[in-house]
């Protein structure tokens, strides 16, 4: 489900990029056919699209940061589990052999009495 959301968001971002390219083409055409004195209007349109493009970029960057945060959280959980397993193995290895054997015999003897 999370992957489907990511895919949908990637498609949205791609369509926004296409929309930005169309707007850039439209502004370029306006510049080429502009009447004298209309430069402030075209500049205002271009500024509005620049603000919108920056907003899209920030939104996409935030999405990428969320995905990276999820990946880091998963990696951190894996490291934590590995460390816990390593500590358990090391603790078992540090027991004196006699103590380990007595635990095995105690367990076996108690299970036979039942």
C-alpha atoms as a PDB file:
ATOM      1  CA  UNK A   1       0.000   0.000   0.000  1.00  0.00           C
ATOM      2  CA  UNK A   2       2.856   2.353   0.792  1.00  0.00           C
ATOM      3  CA  UNK A   3       4.439   1.564  -2.566  1.00  0.00           C
ATOM      4  CA  UNK A   4       1.188   2.377  -4.366  1.00  0.00           C
ATOM      5  CA  UNK A   5       1.108   5.765  -2.631  1.00  0.00           C
ATOM      6  CA  UNK A   6       4.699   6.435  -3.632  1.00  0.00           C
ATOM      7  CA  UNK A   7       3.969   5.498  -7.229  1.00  0.00           C
ATOM      8  CA  UNK A   8       0.916   7.737  -7.359  1.00  0.00           C
ATOM      9  CA  UNK A   9       2.902  10.616  -5.897  1.00  0.00           C
ATOM     10  CA  UNK A  10       5.700  10.086  -8.431  1.00  0.00           C
ATOM     11  CA  UNK A  11       3.129  10.218 -11.244  1.00  0.00           C
ATOM     12  CA  UNK A  12       1.712  13.449  -9.800  1.00  0.00           C
ATOM     13  CA  UNK A  13       5.175  15.002  -9.630  1.00  0.00           C
ATOM     14  CA  UNK A  14       5.867  13.982 -13.236  1.00  0.00           C
ATOM     15  CA  UNK A  15       2.603  15.532 -14.393  1.00  0.00           C
ATOM     16  CA  UNK A  16       3.452  18.731 -12.512  1.00  0.00           C
ATOM     17  CA  UNK A  17       6.802  18.840 -14.285  1.00  0.00           C
ATOM     18  CA  UNK A  18       4.986  18.515 -17.616  1.00  0.00           C
ATOM     19  CA  UNK A  19       2.670  21.356 -16.599  1.00  0.00           C
ATOM     20  CA  UNK A  20       5.668  23.525 -15.743  1.00  0.00           C
ATOM     21  CA  UNK A  21       7.196  22.838 -19.157  1.00  0.00           C
ATOM     22  CA  UNK A  22       3.929  23.814 -20.843  1.00  0.00           C
ATOM     23  CA  UNK A  23       3.819  27.028 -18.836  1.00  0.00           C
ATOM     24  CA  UNK A  24       7.409  27.800 -19.769  1.00  0.00           C
ATOM     25  CA  UNK A  25       6.558  27.297 -23.450  1.00  0.00           C
ATOM     26  CA  UNK A  26       3.511  29.541 -23.081  1.00  0.00           C
ATOM     27  CA  UNK A  27       5.542  32.278 -21.405  1.00  0.00           C
ATOM     28  CA  UNK A  28       8.209  31.958 -24.111  1.00  0.00           C
ATOM     29  CA  UNK A  29       5.576  32.372 -26.830  1.00  0.00           C
ATOM     30  CA  UNK A  30       4.137  35.374 -24.993  1.00  0.00           C
ATOM     31  CA  UNK A  31       7.556  36.969 -24.900  1.00  0.00           C
ATOM     32  CA  UNK A  32       8.070  36.446 -28.622  1.00  0.00           C
ATOM     33  CA  UNK A  33       4.706  37.990 -29.543  1.00  0.00           C
ATOM     34  CA  UNK A  34       4.548  40.597 -26.804  1.00  0.00           C
ATOM     35  CA  UNK A  35       3.552  44.123 -27.571  1.00  0.00           C
ATOM     36  CA  UNK A  36       5.809  46.916 -26.430  1.00  0.00           C
ATOM     37  CA  UNK A  37       5.103  47.792 -22.809  1.00  0.00           C
ATOM     38  CA  UNK A  38       3.685  44.378 -21.829  1.00  0.00           C
ATOM     39  CA  UNK A  39       6.918  43.155 -20.259  1.00  0.00           C
ATOM     40  CA  UNK A  40       5.701  43.773 -16.670  1.00  0.00           C
ATOM     41  CA  UNK A  41       2.675  41.524 -17.247  1.00  0.00           C
ATOM     42  CA  UNK A  42       4.806  38.734 -18.692  1.00  0.00           C
ATOM     43  CA  UNK A  43       7.306  39.155 -15.880  1.00  0.00           C
ATOM     44  CA  UNK A  44       4.523  38.814 -13.315  1.00  0.00           C
ATOM     45  CA  UNK A  45       3.324  35.606 -15.011  1.00  0.00           C
ATOM     46  CA  UNK A  46       6.847  34.211 -15.011  1.00  0.00           C
ATOM     47  CA  UNK A  47       7.327  35.119 -11.348  1.00  0.00           C
ATOM     48  CA  UNK A  48       4.058  33.393 -10.437  1.00  0.00           C
ATOM     49  CA  UNK A  49       5.164  30.237 -12.228  1.00  0.00           C
ATOM     50  CA  UNK A  50       8.560  30.406 -10.564  1.00  0.00           C
ATOM     51  CA  UNK A  51       6.921  30.483  -7.127  1.00  0.00           C
ATOM     52  CA  UNK A  52       4.693  27.555  -8.108  1.00  0.00           C
ATOM     53  CA  UNK A  53       7.678  25.588  -9.454  1.00  0.00           C
ATOM     54  CA  UNK A  54       9.582  26.176  -6.221  1.00  0.00           C
ATOM     55  CA  UNK A  55       6.604  24.905  -4.240  1.00  0.00           C
ATOM     56  CA  UNK A  56       6.471  21.744  -6.388  1.00  0.00           C
ATOM     57  CA  UNK A  57      10.189  21.212  -5.912  1.00  0.00           C
ATOM     58  CA  UNK A  58       9.911  21.593  -2.140  1.00  0.00           C
ATOM     59  CA  UNK A  59       7.000  19.172  -2.038  1.00  0.00           C
ATOM     60  CA  UNK A  60       8.913  16.581  -4.054  1.00  0.00           C
ATOM     61  CA  UNK A  61      11.985  17.053  -1.853  1.00  0.00           C
ATOM     62  CA  UNK A  62       9.860  16.527   1.254  1.00  0.00           C
ATOM     63  CA  UNK A  63       8.515  13.286  -0.235  1.00  0.00           C
ATOM     64  CA  UNK A  64      12.039  12.078  -0.931  1.00  0.00           C
ATOM     65  CA  UNK A  65      13.083  12.935   2.616  1.00  0.00           C
ATOM     66  CA  UNK A  66      10.149  10.932   4.013  1.00  0.00           C
ATOM     67  CA  UNK A  67      11.118   7.915   1.912  1.00  0.00           C
ATOM     68  CA  UNK A  68      14.746   8.238   3.043  1.00  0.00           C
ATOM     69  CA  UNK A  69      13.631   8.529   6.682  1.00  0.00           C
ATOM     70  CA  UNK A  70      11.660   5.293   6.340  1.00  0.00           C
ATOM     71  CA  UNK A  71      14.699   3.568   4.839  1.00  0.00           C
ATOM     72  CA  UNK A  72      16.922   4.834   7.666  1.00  0.00           C
ATOM     73  CA  UNK A  73      14.427   3.686  10.298  1.00  0.00           C
ATOM     74  CA  UNK A  74      14.375   0.205   8.780  1.00  0.00           C
ATOM     75  CA  UNK A  75      18.167   0.079   8.647  1.00  0.00           C
ATOM     76  CA  UNK A  76      18.352   1.233  12.259  1.00  0.00           C
ATOM     77  CA  UNK A  77      15.934  -1.489  13.348  1.00  0.00           C
ATOM     78  CA  UNK A  78      18.043  -4.088  11.544  1.00  0.00           C
ATOM     79  CA  UNK A  79      21.213  -2.859  13.261  1.00  0.00           C
ATOM     80  CA  UNK A  80      19.461  -2.895  16.643  1.00  0.00           C
ATOM     81  CA  UNK A  81      18.240  -6.466  16.136  1.00  0.00           C
ATOM     82  CA  UNK A  82      21.689  -7.547  14.991  1.00  0.00           C
ATOM     83  CA  UNK A  83      23.292  -5.988  18.049  1.00  0.00           C
ATOM     84  CA  UNK A  84      20.793  -7.691  20.357  1.00  0.00           C
ATOM     85  CA  UNK A  85      21.448 -11.053  18.711  1.00  0.00           C
ATOM     86  CA  UNK A  86      25.212 -10.552  18.897  1.00  0.00           C
ATOM     87  CA  UNK A  87      24.970  -9.671  22.599  1.00  0.00           C
ATOM     88  CA  UNK A  88      22.911 -12.793  23.278  1.00  0.00           C
ATOM     89  CA  UNK A  89      25.392 -15.013  21.461  1.00  0.00           C
ATOM     90  CA  UNK A  90      28.330 -13.376  23.212  1.00  0.00           C
ATOM     91  CA  UNK A  91      26.669 -13.804  26.612  1.00  0.00           C
ATOM     92  CA  UNK A  92      26.079 -17.491  25.893  1.00  0.00           C
ATOM     93  CA  UNK A  93      29.689 -17.938  24.794  1.00  0.00           C
ATOM     94  CA  UNK A  94      31.051 -16.321  27.958  1.00  0.00           C
ATOM     95  CA  UNK A  95      29.433 -18.823  30.306  1.00  0.00           C
ATOM     96  CA  UNK A  96      31.839 -21.320  31.834  1.00  0.00           C
ATOM     97  CA  UNK A  97      31.404 -24.759  30.269  1.00  0.00           C
ATOM     98  CA  UNK A  98      30.598 -26.337  33.648  1.00  0.00           C
ATOM     99  CA  UNK A  99      27.748 -23.884  34.228  1.00  0.00           C
ATOM    100  CA  UNK A 100      26.388 -24.427  30.746  1.00  0.00           C
ATOM    101  CA  UNK A 101      26.547 -28.218  31.218  1.00  0.00           C
ATOM    102  CA  UNK A 102      24.880 -28.058  34.630  1.00  0.00           C
ATOM    103  CA  UNK A 103      22.029 -26.078  33.106  1.00  0.00           C
ATOM    104  CA  UNK A 104      21.643 -28.671  30.361  1.00  0.00           C
ATOM    105  CA  UNK A 105      21.662 -31.549  32.915  1.00  0.00           C
ATOM    106  CA  UNK A 106      19.235 -29.743  35.196  1.00  0.00           C
ATOM    107  CA  UNK A 107      16.864 -29.144  32.293  1.00  0.00           C
ATOM    108  CA  UNK A 108      17.127 -32.736  31.073  1.00  0.00           C
ATOM    109  CA  UNK A 109      16.630 -34.210  34.571  1.00  0.00           C
ATOM    110  CA  UNK A 110      13.617 -32.034  35.318  1.00  0.00           C
ATOM    111  CA  UNK A 111      11.981 -32.931  32.016  1.00  0.00           C
ATOM    112  CA  UNK A 112      12.479 -36.685  32.712  1.00  0.00           C
ATOM    113  CA  UNK A 113      10.746 -36.487  36.093  1.00  0.00           C
ATOM    114  CA  UNK A 114       7.489 -35.365  34.516  1.00  0.00           C
END
